[in-house]
Amino acid sequence: MFHIKRMFYRCFHAVHIFFGVLKNGLKKEVIASYTVEAAGVMAIIFFVIMILLNQAFHVRGETVGKFVLHEEVERARHQIENKDEQEIIRRSQGIRWGLELTVPIFRPENSLRMWSLAE
């Protein structure tokens, strides 16, 4: 048992010295300045994580909002009810982003006529 303790102390002696651990028998103490500095560093790390999560949720919301708008426009431009219109205009607004799409109505007969003229 004594050899295991001695081996443990030899392996981690440098770590103990680095963190300021004092060995007084079985009592171990840490210098208080390290705990105060660690508290400051952890506060900064948590603040950075909070900002990154906020940006991630913002990008996700913007992407989903724009995708829903694109899907809505694609469905509307193929509907028969919109055959008399020239183009479809749709707008979407979110927090810190906005998008307006203007697309022509899908008319396959026009492209078929153009192909027949080319032949």
N, C-alpha and C. Protein backbone atom coordinates (compact mmCIF):
# COMPACT_ATOMS: atom_id res chain seq x y z
N MET A 1 0.82 -1.19 0.00
CA MET A 1 0.00 0.00 0.00
C MET A 1 0.87 1.26 0.00
N PHE A 2 1.96 1.21 0.77
CA PHE A 2 2.84 2.35 0.86
C PHE A 2 3.47 2.66 -0.49
N HIS A 3 3.81 1.62 -1.27
CA HIS A 3 4.42 1.82 -2.59
C HIS A 3 3.44 2.48 -3.57
N ILE A 4 2.18 2.14 -3.45
CA ILE A 4 1.17 2.74 -4.34
C ILE A 4 1.04 4.23 -4.04
N LYS A 5 1.03 4.58 -2.75
CA LYS A 5 0.95 6.00 -2.40
C LYS A 5 2.17 6.76 -2.89
N ARG A 6 3.35 6.18 -2.68
CA ARG A 6 4.57 6.84 -3.10
C ARG A 6 4.60 7.00 -4.63
N MET A 7 4.16 5.99 -5.36
CA MET A 7 4.11 6.08 -6.82
C MET A 7 3.11 7.15 -7.26
N PHE A 8 1.98 7.22 -6.57
CA PHE A 8 0.96 8.23 -6.89
C PHE A 8 1.52 9.63 -6.68
N TYR A 9 2.20 9.85 -5.55
CA TYR A 9 2.75 11.16 -5.27
C TYR A 9 3.87 11.53 -6.23
N ARG A 10 4.66 10.59 -6.66
CA ARG A 10 5.71 10.88 -7.63
C ARG A 10 5.13 11.26 -8.98
N CYS A 11 4.11 10.53 -9.41
CA CYS A 11 3.51 10.81 -10.73
C CYS A 11 2.86 12.17 -10.79
N PHE A 12 2.19 12.54 -9.70
CA PHE A 12 1.40 13.77 -9.72
C PHE A 12 2.04 14.90 -8.92
N HIS A 13 3.32 14.75 -8.60
CA HIS A 13 4.00 15.80 -7.83
C HIS A 13 4.04 17.12 -8.61
N ALA A 14 4.34 17.04 -9.89
CA ALA A 14 4.39 18.27 -10.71
C ALA A 14 3.02 18.94 -10.78
N VAL A 15 1.97 18.14 -10.88
CA VAL A 15 0.62 18.70 -10.93
C VAL A 15 0.29 19.37 -9.60
N HIS A 16 0.68 18.74 -8.50
CA HIS A 16 0.42 19.32 -7.19
C HIS A 16 1.16 20.64 -7.02
N ILE A 17 2.39 20.69 -7.47
CA ILE A 17 3.16 21.93 -7.36
C ILE A 17 2.54 23.01 -8.23
N PHE A 18 2.11 22.63 -9.45
CA PHE A 18 1.53 23.61 -10.37
C PHE A 18 0.27 24.24 -9.78
N PHE A 19 -0.58 23.44 -9.18
CA PHE A 19 -1.82 23.96 -8.62
C PHE A 19 -1.67 24.45 -7.19
N GLY A 20 -0.49 24.42 -6.67
CA GLY A 20 -0.25 24.99 -5.36
C GLY A 20 -0.76 24.14 -4.22
N VAL A 21 -0.79 22.84 -4.40
CA VAL A 21 -1.28 21.97 -3.34
C VAL A 21 -0.17 21.78 -2.32
N LEU A 22 -0.48 22.00 -1.08
CA LEU A 22 0.47 21.82 0.01
C LEU A 22 0.10 20.53 0.73
N LYS A 23 1.11 19.71 0.94
CA LYS A 23 0.86 18.46 1.63
C LYS A 23 1.35 18.58 3.07
N ASN A 24 0.41 18.63 3.97
CA ASN A 24 0.73 18.64 5.40
C ASN A 24 0.09 17.41 6.00
N GLY A 25 0.76 16.31 5.91
CA GLY A 25 0.18 15.07 6.40
C GLY A 25 -0.95 14.65 5.47
N LEU A 26 -2.16 14.56 5.99
CA LEU A 26 -3.33 14.20 5.17
C LEU A 26 -4.09 15.44 4.71
N LYS A 27 -3.67 16.60 5.16
CA LYS A 27 -4.38 17.83 4.83
C LYS A 27 -3.84 18.41 3.53
N LYS A 28 -4.74 18.72 2.60
CA LYS A 28 -4.35 19.33 1.33
C LYS A 28 -5.12 20.64 1.16
N GLU A 29 -4.43 21.68 0.77
CA GLU A 29 -5.06 22.97 0.60
C GLU A 29 -4.70 23.52 -0.77
N VAL A 30 -5.59 24.33 -1.32
CA VAL A 30 -5.37 24.98 -2.60
C VAL A 30 -5.28 26.48 -2.35
N ILE A 31 -4.36 27.11 -3.00
CA ILE A 31 -4.21 28.56 -2.85
C ILE A 31 -5.47 29.23 -3.39
N ALA A 32 -5.99 30.18 -2.66
CA ALA A 32 -7.29 30.78 -2.97
C ALA A 32 -7.29 31.56 -4.27
N SER A 33 -6.16 32.10 -4.68
CA SER A 33 -6.15 32.89 -5.91
C SER A 33 -6.50 32.04 -7.12
N TYR A 34 -6.15 30.75 -7.10
CA TYR A 34 -6.51 29.88 -8.22
C TYR A 34 -8.01 29.67 -8.29
N THR A 35 -8.67 29.55 -7.18
CA THR A 35 -10.13 29.34 -7.21
C THR A 35 -10.84 30.60 -7.69
N VAL A 36 -10.34 31.77 -7.31
CA VAL A 36 -10.95 33.02 -7.77
C VAL A 36 -10.73 33.17 -9.27
N GLU A 37 -9.53 32.87 -9.75
CA GLU A 37 -9.27 32.96 -11.19
C GLU A 37 -10.09 31.95 -11.96
N ALA A 38 -10.25 30.75 -11.42
CA ALA A 38 -11.06 29.73 -12.09
C ALA A 38 -12.52 30.17 -12.17
N ALA A 39 -13.01 30.84 -11.15
CA ALA A 39 -14.39 31.33 -11.17
C ALA A 39 -14.56 32.39 -12.27
N GLY A 40 -13.57 33.26 -12.43
CA GLY A 40 -13.63 34.26 -13.50
C GLY A 40 -13.57 33.64 -14.88
N VAL A 41 -12.70 32.65 -15.03
CA VAL A 41 -12.58 31.97 -16.33
C VAL A 41 -13.86 31.22 -16.67
N MET A 42 -14.44 30.54 -15.69
CA MET A 42 -15.68 29.80 -15.93
C MET A 42 -16.83 30.74 -16.30
N ALA A 43 -16.87 31.92 -15.69
CA ALA A 43 -17.90 32.90 -16.04
C ALA A 43 -17.75 33.32 -17.50
N ILE A 44 -16.54 33.56 -17.92
CA ILE A 44 -16.30 33.94 -19.32
C ILE A 44 -16.65 32.79 -20.25
N ILE A 45 -16.28 31.57 -19.90
CA ILE A 45 -16.58 30.41 -20.74
C ILE A 45 -18.09 30.22 -20.88
N PHE A 46 -18.82 30.33 -19.76
CA PHE A 46 -20.28 30.18 -19.84
C PHE A 46 -20.92 31.30 -20.65
N PHE A 47 -20.39 32.51 -20.56
CA PHE A 47 -20.91 33.62 -21.35
C PHE A 47 -20.70 33.37 -22.85
N VAL A 48 -19.53 32.87 -23.22
CA VAL A 48 -19.24 32.56 -24.63
C VAL A 48 -20.15 31.43 -25.12
N ILE A 49 -20.36 30.41 -24.30
CA ILE A 49 -21.26 29.32 -24.69
C ILE A 49 -22.68 29.85 -24.88
N MET A 50 -23.12 30.76 -24.02
CA MET A 50 -24.45 31.35 -24.14
C MET A 50 -24.58 32.12 -25.46
N ILE A 51 -23.56 32.89 -25.82
CA ILE A 51 -23.60 33.65 -27.07
C ILE A 51 -23.62 32.70 -28.27
N LEU A 52 -22.82 31.65 -28.24
CA LEU A 52 -22.79 30.69 -29.35
C LEU A 52 -24.12 29.98 -29.51
N LEU A 53 -24.75 29.60 -28.41
CA LEU A 53 -26.07 28.96 -28.50
C LEU A 53 -27.12 29.92 -29.06
N ASN A 54 -27.06 31.18 -28.64
CA ASN A 54 -27.99 32.18 -29.16
C ASN A 54 -27.83 32.33 -30.67
N GLN A 55 -26.60 32.41 -31.14
CA GLN A 55 -26.37 32.53 -32.58
C GLN A 55 -26.81 31.28 -33.33
N ALA A 56 -26.59 30.11 -32.74
CA ALA A 56 -27.01 28.87 -33.38
C ALA A 56 -28.53 28.82 -33.53
N PHE A 57 -29.26 29.22 -32.49
CA PHE A 57 -30.73 29.22 -32.59
C PHE A 57 -31.21 30.28 -33.57
N HIS A 58 -30.51 31.40 -33.65
CA HIS A 58 -30.88 32.44 -34.62
C HIS A 58 -30.70 31.93 -36.05
N VAL A 59 -29.58 31.30 -36.34
CA VAL A 59 -29.32 30.77 -37.68
C VAL A 59 -30.33 29.68 -38.02
N ARG A 60 -30.67 28.84 -37.05
CA ARG A 60 -31.66 27.79 -37.28
C ARG A 60 -33.03 28.39 -37.60
N GLY A 61 -33.45 29.40 -36.83
CA GLY A 61 -34.74 30.04 -37.07
C GLY A 61 -34.80 30.72 -38.43
N GLU A 62 -33.72 31.38 -38.80
CA GLU A 62 -33.67 32.04 -40.11
C GLU A 62 -33.73 31.01 -41.24
N THR A 63 -33.00 29.93 -41.11
CA THR A 63 -32.98 28.90 -42.15
C THR A 63 -34.35 28.25 -42.31
N VAL A 64 -34.99 27.91 -41.19
CA VAL A 64 -36.31 27.28 -41.26
C VAL A 64 -37.32 28.25 -41.85
N GLY A 65 -37.27 29.51 -41.45
CA GLY A 65 -38.21 30.50 -41.98
C GLY A 65 -38.06 30.68 -43.49
N LYS A 66 -36.84 30.76 -43.95
CA LYS A 66 -36.62 30.93 -45.39
C LYS A 66 -37.01 29.67 -46.17
N PHE A 67 -36.76 28.51 -45.59
CA PHE A 67 -37.14 27.26 -46.27
C PHE A 67 -38.66 27.15 -46.39
N VAL A 68 -39.38 27.52 -45.34
CA VAL A 68 -40.85 27.48 -45.39
C VAL A 68 -41.37 28.44 -46.45
N LEU A 69 -40.77 29.62 -46.55
CA LEU A 69 -41.19 30.58 -47.57
C LEU A 69 -40.92 30.05 -48.98
N HIS A 70 -39.78 29.45 -49.19
CA HIS A 70 -39.47 28.87 -50.51
C HIS A 70 -40.45 27.76 -50.86
N GLU A 71 -40.78 26.93 -49.89
CA GLU A 71 -41.73 25.84 -50.15
C GLU A 71 -43.11 26.39 -50.49
N GLU A 72 -43.54 27.40 -49.76
CA GLU A 72 -44.83 28.02 -50.03
C GLU A 72 -44.89 28.62 -51.43
N VAL A 73 -43.83 29.29 -51.84
CA VAL A 73 -43.78 29.90 -53.18
C VAL A 73 -43.79 28.82 -54.26
N GLU A 74 -43.04 27.75 -54.06
CA GLU A 74 -43.02 26.68 -55.06
C GLU A 74 -44.38 26.01 -55.20
N ARG A 75 -45.07 25.83 -54.10
CA ARG A 75 -46.42 25.23 -54.18
C ARG A 75 -47.40 26.18 -54.87
N ALA A 76 -47.30 27.48 -54.56
CA ALA A 76 -48.23 28.45 -55.14
C ALA A 76 -48.00 28.65 -56.63
N ARG A 77 -46.78 28.57 -57.10
CA ARG A 77 -46.53 28.84 -58.52
C ARG A 77 -46.97 27.70 -59.41
N HIS A 78 -47.24 26.51 -58.84
CA HIS A 78 -47.73 25.39 -59.63
C HIS A 78 -49.24 25.20 -59.55
N GLN A 79 -49.93 26.04 -58.76
CA GLN A 79 -51.37 25.88 -58.62
C GLN A 79 -52.10 26.46 -59.82
N ILE A 80 -53.19 25.80 -60.17
CA ILE A 80 -54.01 26.22 -61.32
C ILE A 80 -54.68 27.57 -61.06
N GLU A 81 -54.99 27.88 -59.80
CA GLU A 81 -55.69 29.13 -59.49
C GLU A 81 -54.85 30.36 -59.84
N ASN A 82 -53.55 30.22 -59.95
CA ASN A 82 -52.67 31.35 -60.22
C ASN A 82 -52.28 31.45 -61.70
N LYS A 83 -53.02 30.79 -62.58
CA LYS A 83 -52.62 30.79 -64.00
C LYS A 83 -52.78 32.15 -64.68
N ASP A 84 -53.63 33.03 -64.15
CA ASP A 84 -53.83 34.34 -64.77
C ASP A 84 -52.79 35.36 -64.32
N GLU A 85 -52.04 35.06 -63.28
CA GLU A 85 -51.03 35.99 -62.78
C GLU A 85 -49.71 35.80 -63.54
N GLN A 86 -48.88 36.82 -63.50
CA GLN A 86 -47.56 36.75 -64.14
C GLN A 86 -46.50 36.22 -63.18
N GLU A 87 -46.60 36.65 -61.93
CA GLU A 87 -45.61 36.24 -60.94
C GLU A 87 -46.24 36.22 -59.55
N ILE A 88 -45.57 35.54 -58.65
CA ILE A 88 -46.03 35.43 -57.27
C ILE A 88 -45.01 36.14 -56.38
N ILE A 89 -45.53 36.96 -55.48
CA ILE A 89 -44.68 37.69 -54.54
C ILE A 89 -45.09 37.28 -53.14
N ARG A 90 -44.14 36.81 -52.37
CA ARG A 90 -44.38 36.44 -50.98
C ARG A 90 -43.30 37.05 -50.10
N ARG A 91 -43.69 37.44 -48.89
CA ARG A 91 -42.75 38.03 -47.93
C ARG A 91 -42.79 37.23 -46.64
N SER A 92 -41.65 37.21 -45.97
CA SER A 92 -41.54 36.57 -44.66
C SER A 92 -40.63 37.42 -43.79
N GLN A 93 -41.00 37.54 -42.53
CA GLN A 93 -40.23 38.38 -41.61
C GLN A 93 -39.99 37.61 -40.33
N GLY A 94 -38.77 37.71 -39.81
CA GLY A 94 -38.42 37.09 -38.54
C GLY A 94 -37.65 38.07 -37.69
N ILE A 95 -37.06 37.56 -36.63
CA ILE A 95 -36.24 38.41 -35.76
C ILE A 95 -34.89 38.62 -36.44
N ARG A 96 -34.57 39.83 -36.79
CA ARG A 96 -33.32 40.24 -37.45
C ARG A 96 -33.15 39.68 -38.85
N TRP A 97 -34.21 39.27 -39.52
CA TRP A 97 -34.10 38.84 -40.91
C TRP A 97 -35.44 39.04 -41.60
N GLY A 98 -35.39 39.20 -42.90
CA GLY A 98 -36.58 39.32 -43.71
C GLY A 98 -36.25 38.86 -45.13
N LEU A 99 -37.28 38.39 -45.85
CA LEU A 99 -37.05 37.88 -47.20
C LEU A 99 -38.29 38.14 -48.04
N GLU A 100 -38.08 38.57 -49.27
CA GLU A 100 -39.16 38.73 -50.24
C GLU A 100 -38.78 37.96 -51.48
N LEU A 101 -39.68 37.08 -51.91
CA LEU A 101 -39.43 36.28 -53.11
C LEU A 101 -40.42 36.66 -54.19
N THR A 102 -39.92 36.84 -55.39
CA THR A 102 -40.73 37.09 -56.57
C THR A 102 -40.35 36.05 -57.61
N VAL A 103 -41.30 35.19 -57.96
CA VAL A 103 -41.03 34.12 -58.92
C VAL A 103 -42.11 34.11 -60.00
N PRO A 104 -41.76 33.74 -61.22
CA PRO A 104 -42.77 33.65 -62.28
C PRO A 104 -43.64 32.40 -62.08
N ILE A 105 -44.83 32.47 -62.65
CA ILE A 105 -45.73 31.32 -62.61
C ILE A 105 -45.16 30.23 -63.52
N PHE A 106 -45.28 28.99 -63.07
CA PHE A 106 -44.76 27.86 -63.84
C PHE A 106 -45.76 27.55 -64.96
N ARG A 107 -45.29 27.70 -66.19
CA ARG A 107 -46.12 27.41 -67.36
C ARG A 107 -45.33 26.49 -68.30
N PRO A 108 -45.53 25.19 -68.17
CA PRO A 108 -44.75 24.26 -69.00
C PRO A 108 -45.09 24.35 -70.49
N GLU A 109 -46.32 24.82 -70.80
CA GLU A 109 -46.68 24.89 -72.22
C GLU A 109 -45.83 25.91 -72.97
N ASN A 110 -45.39 26.97 -72.29
CA ASN A 110 -44.53 27.96 -72.95
C ASN A 110 -43.18 27.36 -73.30
N SER A 111 -42.60 26.60 -72.39
CA SER A 111 -41.31 26.00 -72.71
C SER A 111 -41.45 24.92 -73.78
N LEU A 112 -42.58 24.22 -73.83
CA LEU A 112 -42.79 23.22 -74.88
C LEU A 112 -42.91 23.89 -76.25
N ARG A 113 -43.56 25.05 -76.28
CA ARG A 113 -43.66 25.78 -77.55
C ARG A 113 -42.30 26.26 -78.02
N MET A 114 -41.48 26.71 -77.08
CA MET A 114 -40.14 27.16 -77.46
C MET A 114 -39.31 26.00 -78.00
N TRP A 115 -39.44 24.82 -77.43
CA TRP A 115 -38.71 23.65 -77.92
C TRP A 115 -39.20 23.25 -79.32
N SER A 116 -40.51 23.36 -79.52
CA SER A 116 -41.02 22.99 -80.85
C SER A 116 -40.54 23.97 -81.92
N LEU A 117 -40.38 25.26 -81.56
CA LEU A 117 -39.85 26.24 -82.51
C LEU A 117 -38.38 25.97 -82.81
N ALA A 118 -37.64 25.50 -81.82
CA ALA A 118 -36.22 25.23 -82.03
C ALA A 118 -36.01 24.01 -82.95
N GLU A 119 -36.95 23.09 -82.93
CA GLU A 119 -36.82 21.90 -83.78
C GLU A 119 -37.20 22.24 -85.18
